[in-house]
Amino acid sequence: MDYRDAGVDVEAGRDFVGQIRNLVHSTFRKEVIGGLGGFGGCFELPEGYKQPVLISGTDGVGTKLKIANIINRHDTVGIDLVAMCVNDVLTSGAEPLFFLDYLATGKLNQEQLTDVVAGVASGCKQAGCALLGGETAEMPGFYQPGEYDLAGFCVGIVEKNQMLDGTRVEIGDVAIGLASSGVHSNGFSLVRKIISDKGLNWNDTPGIFGGKSLSDIFLQPTQIYVKSVLAALKHGLEIHAMAHITGGGLPENLPRCLGDGKSFKIKPDSWIIPPVFEWLAKVGCVNSQAMYNTFNMGIGFVIIAPANQAQQTIDFFESHNITAYNIGEIISGNNELIGLTDF
């Protein structure tokens, strides 16, 4: 009896590393030292920093992976994995430097998991960070056949005196909401329950989606905001804080970046709620409060800026092909979000 008899194919694991090597190398920055295959990834800090602060983040993709597994499409969830981590790190004003992934499965399927890593590499390129390394774990009996799980880990860097932590936010500042690309990677347990309870199929094409299938709509990857936001900072736009709108939606995530003694007042009907959220609310009979507390509702990232720079900030992101809205203002309060209305 050997390890293969127990369900773990070591040779297949080596072949898989060889298969993804070029994908990983395609993301490398000049600061990467060495290649793939060591016990640790090596990265030299970029030059020019006086007091560099490293910002770290970790996340996963969640039950969105169930959809990828059902329809056997695995080339987008790796982008989600990167996005969930780098967008978090970005809120401190940090530039993501490198990323590591953890991929676990019951039995290694090289074609399937190469698609996953191709997505991770694509996300890293979109964020400008290196895919420095990772871990692939084959665990027979732990996952259902064909299933896998993903986790990601990101490290970014920011000059200490430029770090954003909520202390710069002032009463009267405005919130500029950057449009999401869809549901992103949160709320999929509810999405899947709605689809299942209503007897729908992932290949169904509701008319509201213009011929696209439910799988096309819900596997749309999370928007990565890194390059456009870093460009805004480099351009000299004054940004006081940022928030990544993930699980818990605007009510939970926006107050996290405001600091003490401040709340956020929503400007009613100030942005366009994408059809996917209206469809979920209608088909699933989900009330507005539950929708706002579960999904991003069309706003994936928020920039807090001085009121006199609102239009300038909107114009900048529009020039980078990201739709932006003035969605409200900072008021005195106790870390609340005020003014959400039914839709």
Protein backbone atom coordinates (compact mmCIF):
# COMPACT_ATOMS: atom_id res chain seq x y z
CA MET A 1 0.00 0.00 0.00
CA ASP A 2 1.26 3.50 -0.80
CA TYR A 3 0.06 7.12 -0.75
CA ARG A 4 -1.68 6.75 -4.13
CA ASP A 5 -3.72 3.84 -2.74
CA ALA A 6 -4.88 6.24 -0.01
CA GLY A 7 -6.06 8.71 -2.67
CA VAL A 8 -3.12 11.13 -2.88
CA ASP A 9 -1.16 11.22 -6.15
CA VAL A 10 2.15 12.93 -5.40
CA GLU A 11 3.33 12.70 -9.02
CA ALA A 12 0.15 14.37 -10.24
CA GLY A 13 0.81 17.14 -7.74
CA ARG A 14 4.28 17.69 -9.17
CA ASP A 15 2.88 17.73 -12.69
CA PHE A 16 0.29 20.30 -11.63
CA VAL A 17 2.98 22.63 -10.25
CA GLY A 18 4.80 22.36 -13.55
CA GLN A 19 1.61 23.11 -15.44
CA ILE A 20 0.91 26.34 -13.55
CA ARG A 21 4.52 27.54 -13.40
CA ASN A 22 4.21 29.88 -16.38
CA LEU A 23 0.93 31.31 -15.03
CA VAL A 24 2.64 32.17 -11.75
CA HIS A 25 5.75 33.62 -13.39
CA SER A 26 3.61 35.84 -15.61
CA THR A 27 2.56 37.83 -12.51
CA PHE A 28 6.05 38.44 -11.08
CA ARG A 29 7.21 41.93 -10.23
CA LYS A 30 10.86 42.97 -10.19
CA GLU A 31 10.93 42.62 -6.39
CA VAL A 32 10.32 38.85 -6.53
CA ILE A 33 13.41 36.85 -5.59
CA GLY A 34 13.70 33.28 -6.86
CA GLY A 35 11.02 31.19 -8.49
CA LEU A 36 8.28 28.71 -7.74
CA GLY A 37 8.94 25.62 -5.66
CA GLY A 38 10.74 26.81 -2.54
CA PHE A 39 9.47 26.49 1.00
CA GLY A 40 8.70 30.20 1.08
CA GLY A 41 8.23 33.04 -1.38
CA CYS A 42 10.79 35.84 -1.27
CA PHE A 43 9.96 39.47 -1.98
CA GLU A 44 12.19 42.52 -1.63
CA LEU A 45 10.53 45.71 -0.39
CA PRO A 46 10.22 48.38 -3.11
CA GLU A 47 12.62 51.31 -2.94
CA GLY A 48 11.70 54.83 -1.92
CA TYR A 49 9.76 54.27 1.28
CA LYS A 50 10.81 56.15 4.43
CA GLN A 51 8.49 54.45 6.93
CA PRO A 52 6.87 51.54 5.09
CA VAL A 53 3.91 49.84 6.72
CA LEU A 54 2.86 46.39 5.54
CA ILE A 55 -0.90 45.78 5.33
CA SER A 56 -2.15 42.18 5.16
CA GLY A 57 -5.48 40.64 4.26
CA THR A 58 -7.02 37.20 3.83
CA ASP A 59 -10.33 35.95 2.47
CA GLY A 60 -12.05 33.27 0.41
CA VAL A 61 -14.71 32.98 -2.27
CA GLY A 62 -17.42 31.26 -0.22
CA THR A 63 -20.29 29.25 -1.64
CA LYS A 64 -19.99 30.93 -5.04
CA LEU A 65 -17.66 27.97 -5.63
CA LYS A 66 -20.73 25.72 -5.58
CA ILE A 67 -22.01 27.38 -8.76
CA ALA A 68 -18.64 27.02 -10.47
CA ASN A 69 -18.67 23.33 -9.60
CA ILE A 70 -22.25 22.73 -10.78
CA ILE A 71 -21.72 24.25 -14.23
CA ASN A 72 -18.05 23.18 -14.45
CA ARG A 73 -16.68 26.66 -15.08
CA HIS A 74 -13.65 27.55 -13.00
CA ASP A 75 -11.88 30.43 -14.75
CA THR A 76 -13.47 33.32 -12.82
CA VAL A 77 -13.44 32.32 -9.14
CA GLY A 78 -9.67 32.88 -8.91
CA ILE A 79 -10.28 36.52 -9.84
CA ASP A 80 -12.85 36.71 -7.03
CA LEU A 81 -10.29 35.30 -4.61
CA VAL A 82 -7.73 37.96 -5.43
CA ALA A 83 -10.29 40.75 -5.50
CA MET A 84 -11.65 40.01 -2.04
CA CYS A 85 -8.16 40.34 -0.57
CA VAL A 86 -6.60 43.18 -2.57
CA ASN A 87 -9.67 45.43 -2.31
CA ASP A 88 -9.53 45.05 1.48
CA VAL A 89 -5.83 45.92 1.62
CA LEU A 90 -6.45 48.87 -0.71
CA THR A 91 -8.75 50.58 1.83
CA SER A 92 -5.68 51.52 3.89
CA GLY A 93 -4.18 53.25 0.87
CA ALA A 94 -1.79 50.34 0.35
CA GLU A 95 -0.46 48.99 -2.92
CA PRO A 96 -0.80 45.18 -3.02
CA LEU A 97 2.65 43.64 -3.44
CA PHE A 98 2.15 39.90 -3.46
CA PHE A 99 -0.50 37.23 -3.12
CA LEU A 100 -0.54 33.59 -2.03
CA ASP A 101 -3.31 31.09 -2.56
CA TYR A 102 -4.41 27.93 -0.74
CA LEU A 103 -6.30 25.40 -2.84
CA ALA A 104 -7.74 22.26 -1.25
CA THR A 105 -9.53 19.41 -3.01
CA GLY A 106 -10.44 15.77 -2.49
CA LYS A 107 -8.74 14.58 -5.67
CA LEU A 108 -6.50 16.66 -7.92
CA ASN A 109 -8.12 17.49 -11.26
CA GLN A 110 -5.36 19.25 -13.18
CA GLU A 111 -7.55 20.79 -15.89
CA GLN A 112 -10.06 22.12 -13.38
CA LEU A 113 -7.52 23.56 -10.98
CA THR A 114 -5.32 25.01 -13.74
CA ASP A 115 -8.37 27.08 -14.74
CA VAL A 116 -8.67 28.21 -11.12
CA VAL A 117 -5.02 29.26 -10.94
CA ALA A 118 -5.33 31.00 -14.33
CA GLY A 119 -8.06 33.12 -12.72
CA VAL A 120 -5.84 33.85 -9.72
CA ALA A 121 -3.03 34.93 -12.06
CA SER A 122 -5.45 37.14 -14.01
CA GLY A 123 -6.62 38.78 -10.78
CA CYS A 124 -3.04 39.39 -9.69
CA LYS A 125 -2.26 41.08 -13.01
CA GLN A 126 -5.35 43.27 -12.64
CA ALA A 127 -4.16 44.27 -9.16
CA GLY A 128 -0.49 44.63 -10.14
CA CYS A 129 0.69 42.18 -7.49
CA ALA A 130 2.81 39.04 -7.79
CA LEU A 131 1.42 35.57 -7.28
CA LEU A 132 4.31 34.66 -5.02
CA GLY A 133 3.34 31.11 -4.18
CA GLY A 134 0.68 28.92 -2.66
CA GLU A 135 -0.33 25.51 -1.45
CA THR A 136 -2.34 22.76 -3.13
CA ALA A 137 -3.71 20.19 -0.69
CA GLU A 138 -5.17 16.89 -1.83
CA MET A 139 -7.37 15.49 0.96
CA PRO A 140 -9.33 12.37 -0.01
CA GLY A 141 -12.65 12.00 1.76
CA PHE A 142 -12.70 15.57 3.00
CA TYR A 143 -14.45 17.09 -0.03
CA GLN A 144 -17.12 15.77 -2.36
CA PRO A 145 -15.85 14.56 -5.77
CA GLY A 146 -14.99 17.53 -7.99
CA GLU A 147 -15.26 20.07 -5.18
CA TYR A 148 -12.48 22.34 -3.95
CA ASP A 149 -12.03 25.29 -1.62
CA LEU A 150 -9.97 28.45 -1.97
CA ALA A 151 -8.35 30.90 0.42
CA GLY A 152 -6.10 33.84 -0.40
CA PHE A 153 -3.54 35.95 1.42
CA CYS A 154 -2.30 39.37 0.34
CA VAL A 155 0.37 41.80 1.57
CA GLY A 156 0.48 45.47 0.56
CA ILE A 157 2.61 48.48 1.44
CA VAL A 158 1.92 52.12 2.27
CA GLU A 159 3.95 55.03 3.61
CA LYS A 160 3.04 55.45 7.28
CA ASN A 161 2.08 59.12 6.96
CA GLN A 162 -0.22 58.28 4.02
CA MET A 163 -2.04 55.38 5.66
CA LEU A 164 -5.84 55.74 5.82
CA ASP A 165 -7.51 54.64 9.07
CA GLY A 166 -10.61 56.85 9.40
CA THR A 167 -8.95 59.66 11.35
CA ARG A 168 -8.93 62.00 8.34
CA VAL A 169 -12.69 61.84 7.77
CA GLU A 170 -14.46 65.16 8.43
CA ILE A 171 -18.08 66.16 8.89
CA GLY A 172 -19.32 67.33 5.48
CA ASP A 173 -17.17 64.91 3.46
CA VAL A 174 -18.97 63.03 0.71
CA ALA A 175 -19.00 59.36 -0.23
CA ILE A 176 -18.29 58.49 -3.83
CA GLY A 177 -19.62 55.03 -4.62
CA LEU A 178 -17.82 53.01 -7.28
CA ALA A 179 -20.07 50.64 -9.17
CA SER A 180 -19.82 46.92 -8.58
CA SER A 181 -19.66 44.39 -11.40
CA GLY A 182 -22.59 42.48 -9.91
CA VAL A 183 -23.08 40.38 -6.79
CA HIS A 184 -19.29 40.00 -6.33
CA SER A 185 -18.60 37.22 -3.77
CA ASN A 186 -21.03 37.77 -0.90
CA GLY A 187 -24.56 36.57 -0.25
CA PHE A 188 -24.34 33.39 -2.31
CA SER A 189 -25.95 31.17 0.30
CA LEU A 190 -29.09 33.29 -0.17
CA VAL A 191 -28.66 33.35 -3.96
CA ARG A 192 -28.40 29.56 -4.08
CA LYS A 193 -31.41 29.11 -1.79
CA ILE A 194 -33.54 31.35 -4.04
CA ILE A 195 -32.49 29.45 -7.16
CA SER A 196 -33.11 26.09 -5.48
CA ASP A 197 -36.41 26.94 -3.79
CA LYS A 198 -37.86 28.38 -7.00
CA GLY A 199 -36.86 25.31 -9.02
CA LEU A 200 -34.63 27.33 -11.34
CA ASN A 201 -31.65 26.09 -13.32
CA TRP A 202 -28.31 27.86 -13.67
CA ASN A 203 -28.70 27.70 -17.45
CA ASP A 204 -32.03 29.56 -17.34
CA THR A 205 -32.09 32.94 -19.11
CA PRO A 206 -34.61 35.30 -17.44
CA GLY A 207 -35.63 38.09 -19.81
CA ILE A 208 -34.37 40.80 -17.45
CA PHE A 209 -30.78 39.69 -18.17
CA GLY A 210 -30.93 40.16 -21.93
CA GLY A 211 -30.25 36.57 -22.92
CA LYS A 212 -27.53 35.87 -20.35
CA SER A 213 -27.88 32.77 -18.22
CA LEU A 214 -28.09 32.81 -14.44
CA SER A 215 -24.61 31.26 -14.31
CA ASP A 216 -23.23 34.08 -16.51
CA ILE A 217 -24.76 36.68 -14.21
CA PHE A 218 -23.73 35.14 -10.90
CA LEU A 219 -20.23 34.03 -11.91
CA GLN A 220 -19.33 37.55 -13.04
CA PRO A 221 -16.09 38.13 -11.08
CA THR A 222 -15.61 40.74 -8.38
CA GLN A 223 -14.37 44.10 -9.62
CA ILE A 224 -10.75 44.87 -8.71
CA TYR A 225 -10.41 48.58 -7.92
CA VAL A 226 -6.68 48.69 -7.17
CA LYS A 227 -5.14 50.32 -10.23
CA SER A 228 -7.77 53.04 -10.59
CA VAL A 229 -7.69 53.96 -6.88
CA LEU A 230 -3.88 54.00 -6.72
CA ALA A 231 -3.90 56.16 -9.85
CA ALA A 232 -6.30 58.57 -8.09
CA LEU A 233 -3.95 58.83 -5.11
CA LYS A 234 -0.96 59.36 -7.40
CA HIS A 235 -2.94 61.96 -9.34
CA GLY A 236 -3.28 63.94 -6.12
CA LEU A 237 -6.97 63.48 -5.39
CA GLU A 238 -7.66 64.01 -1.70
CA ILE A 239 -9.03 60.79 -0.24
CA HIS A 240 -9.85 60.66 3.47
CA ALA A 241 -10.97 57.02 3.75
CA MET A 242 -12.14 54.02 1.75
CA ALA A 243 -14.45 51.06 2.27
CA HIS A 244 -14.76 47.74 0.46
CA ILE A 245 -18.44 46.76 0.36
CA THR A 246 -18.49 43.04 1.12
CA GLY A 247 -20.57 40.85 3.46
CA GLY A 248 -23.04 43.00 5.38
CA GLY A 249 -23.35 45.47 2.51
CA LEU A 250 -23.26 49.24 2.93
CA PRO A 251 -24.80 49.25 6.46
CA GLU A 252 -21.97 47.19 7.92
CA ASN A 253 -18.96 48.20 5.85
CA LEU A 254 -19.28 51.93 5.25
CA PRO A 255 -19.32 52.94 8.96
CA ARG A 256 -16.08 50.96 9.49
CA CYS A 257 -14.04 53.68 7.76
CA LEU A 258 -15.57 56.78 9.36
CA GLY A 259 -13.82 57.06 12.74
CA ASP A 260 -15.54 58.03 15.99
CA GLY A 261 -18.45 60.45 16.28
CA LYS A 262 -19.52 60.25 12.64
CA SER A 263 -22.32 58.67 10.68
CA PHE A 264 -23.22 58.47 7.02
CA LYS A 265 -26.39 59.91 5.50
CA ILE A 266 -27.40 58.24 2.24
CA LYS A 267 -28.65 60.39 -0.61
CA PRO A 268 -31.83 58.57 -1.73
CA ASP A 269 -31.93 57.21 -5.29
CA SER A 270 -28.38 58.45 -5.93
CA TRP A 271 -27.18 55.39 -7.80
CA ILE A 272 -28.59 52.82 -10.19
CA ILE A 273 -29.32 49.46 -8.56
CA PRO A 274 -28.44 46.76 -11.13
CA PRO A 275 -31.23 44.44 -12.36
CA VAL A 276 -29.71 41.37 -10.66
CA PHE A 277 -30.60 42.74 -7.23
CA GLU A 278 -34.12 43.70 -8.25
CA TRP A 279 -34.56 40.18 -9.65
CA LEU A 280 -33.30 38.53 -6.45
CA ALA A 281 -35.61 40.67 -4.31
CA LYS A 282 -38.64 39.91 -6.46
CA VAL A 283 -38.09 36.20 -7.11
CA GLY A 284 -36.94 35.47 -3.55
CA CYS A 285 -39.44 37.80 -1.83
CA VAL A 286 -36.53 39.45 0.00
CA ASN A 287 -37.30 42.79 1.63
CA SER A 288 -35.16 45.87 1.05
CA GLN A 289 -33.51 45.83 4.46
CA ALA A 290 -32.39 42.23 4.03
CA MET A 291 -31.11 43.01 0.53
CA TYR A 292 -28.99 45.95 1.76
CA ASN A 293 -27.67 43.88 4.67
CA THR A 294 -26.64 41.00 2.40
CA PHE A 295 -25.52 42.41 -0.96
CA ASN A 296 -23.49 45.35 -2.25
CA MET A 297 -26.56 46.58 -4.20
CA GLY A 298 -24.42 47.99 -7.00
CA ILE A 299 -21.76 49.78 -4.93
CA GLY A 300 -18.58 47.73 -4.59
CA PHE A 301 -16.18 50.31 -3.15
CA VAL A 302 -16.56 53.73 -1.52
CA ILE A 303 -14.22 56.73 -1.53
CA ILE A 304 -14.63 59.38 1.20
CA ALA A 305 -13.52 62.78 -0.16
CA PRO A 306 -13.97 66.50 0.55
CA ALA A 307 -17.26 67.85 -0.76
CA ASN A 308 -15.51 70.36 -3.02
CA GLN A 309 -13.77 67.49 -4.82
CA ALA A 310 -16.83 65.32 -5.37
CA GLN A 311 -17.28 65.96 -9.07
CA GLN A 312 -13.56 65.87 -9.74
CA THR A 313 -13.36 62.47 -8.07
CA ILE A 314 -16.35 61.15 -10.02
CA ASP A 315 -14.89 62.41 -13.29
CA PHE A 316 -11.54 60.76 -12.56
CA PHE A 317 -13.04 57.31 -12.02
CA GLU A 318 -15.37 57.70 -14.99
CA SER A 319 -12.24 58.39 -17.08
CA HIS A 320 -10.92 55.02 -15.84
CA ASN A 321 -14.13 53.27 -16.99
CA ILE A 322 -15.57 52.89 -13.50
CA THR A 323 -19.04 54.35 -12.97
CA ALA A 324 -19.11 56.56 -9.87
CA TYR A 325 -21.89 58.23 -7.88
CA ASN A 326 -22.15 60.80 -5.08
CA ILE A 327 -24.16 58.63 -2.68
CA GLY A 328 -24.26 60.79 0.46
CA GLU A 329 -22.41 62.75 3.12
CA ILE A 330 -20.71 62.37 6.49
CA ILE A 331 -22.66 63.80 9.42
CA SER A 332 -22.22 63.86 13.17
CA GLY A 333 -23.37 60.62 14.76
CA ASN A 334 -22.53 57.27 16.27
CA ASN A 335 -21.22 55.15 13.38
CA GLU A 336 -24.58 54.62 11.74
CA LEU A 337 -25.85 54.57 8.18
CA ILE A 338 -28.97 56.69 7.83
CA GLY A 339 -31.45 57.12 5.01
CA LEU A 340 -31.61 53.80 3.17
CA THR A 341 -34.99 53.56 1.45
CA ASP A 342 -36.98 50.76 -0.14
CA PHE A 343 -36.34 50.19 -3.81
